[in-house]
Amino acid sequence: MSDDHDAITEAADALIAAGYDVKPWGDDHAFWFVNGKTLNDSDLLALAIRNGLMEPPSDRLQ
């Protein structure tokens, strides 16, 4: 499993814990259905970061 996938999974878990309705969408789970909106992996990660639920990946590497 790649680090990118781990960050996406962490973002999804953090959003769920914060009360968001998060469901994978599509055969390869490259899209997510979040509170009625379709997001890609990058958007999902950005949403978690913007809401203070996780730190940006670059900060996690330091």
Protein backbone atom coordinates (compact mmCIF):
# COMPACT_ATOMS: atom_id res chain seq x y z
CA MET A 1 0.00 0.00 0.00
CA SER A 2 1.43 3.37 -0.98
CA ASP A 3 1.87 6.33 1.35
CA ASP A 4 -0.67 8.24 -0.77
CA HIS A 5 -3.27 5.56 -0.14
CA ASP A 6 -2.52 5.62 3.59
CA ALA A 7 -3.04 9.38 3.68
CA ILE A 8 -6.33 9.06 1.80
CA THR A 9 -7.53 6.32 4.14
CA GLU A 10 -6.49 8.45 7.12
CA ALA A 11 -8.37 11.44 5.68
CA ALA A 12 -11.51 9.36 5.13
CA ASP A 13 -11.32 7.97 8.67
CA ALA A 14 -10.77 11.43 10.15
CA LEU A 15 -13.74 12.86 8.27
CA ILE A 16 -15.96 9.97 9.37
CA ALA A 17 -14.87 10.49 12.98
CA ALA A 18 -15.78 14.18 12.64
CA GLY A 19 -19.30 13.27 11.54
CA TYR A 20 -19.02 13.43 7.76
CA ASP A 21 -20.87 10.84 5.70
CA VAL A 22 -18.00 9.35 3.65
CA LYS A 23 -18.35 6.47 1.23
CA PRO A 24 -15.96 5.21 -1.46
CA TRP A 25 -17.41 5.49 -4.95
CA GLY A 26 -16.39 3.70 -8.12
CA ASP A 27 -14.66 0.42 -8.85
CA ASP A 28 -11.18 1.63 -7.94
CA HIS A 29 -12.31 3.84 -5.02
CA ALA A 30 -10.64 6.84 -6.67
CA PHE A 31 -13.73 8.89 -5.88
CA TRP A 32 -15.59 9.53 -2.66
CA PHE A 33 -19.16 10.56 -1.91
CA VAL A 34 -18.94 13.02 1.01
CA ASN A 35 -22.07 14.63 2.41
CA GLY A 36 -23.73 14.49 -0.99
CA LYS A 37 -20.75 15.67 -3.06
CA THR A 38 -18.39 13.65 -5.22
CA LEU A 39 -14.71 14.21 -4.43
CA ASN A 40 -11.52 12.71 -5.81
CA ASP A 41 -8.67 11.55 -3.55
CA SER A 42 -6.96 14.95 -3.60
CA ASP A 43 -10.17 16.78 -2.71
CA LEU A 44 -10.85 14.35 0.14
CA LEU A 45 -7.38 14.91 1.55
CA ALA A 46 -7.71 18.69 1.16
CA LEU A 47 -11.06 18.68 2.97
CA ALA A 48 -9.58 16.85 5.95
CA ILE A 49 -6.60 19.23 6.05
CA ARG A 50 -8.77 22.38 5.70
CA ASN A 51 -10.93 21.21 8.59
CA GLY A 52 -7.89 20.68 10.82
CA LEU A 53 -8.43 16.93 10.99
CA MET A 54 -4.93 16.09 9.77
CA GLU A 55 -1.73 17.83 8.81
CA PRO A 56 -0.57 18.31 5.21
CA PRO A 57 1.51 15.36 4.00
CA SER A 58 4.65 17.51 3.60
CA ASP A 59 4.50 18.42 7.32
CA ARG A 60 4.16 14.76 8.26
CA LEU A 61 7.48 13.90 6.62
CA GLN A 62 9.53 16.25 8.79
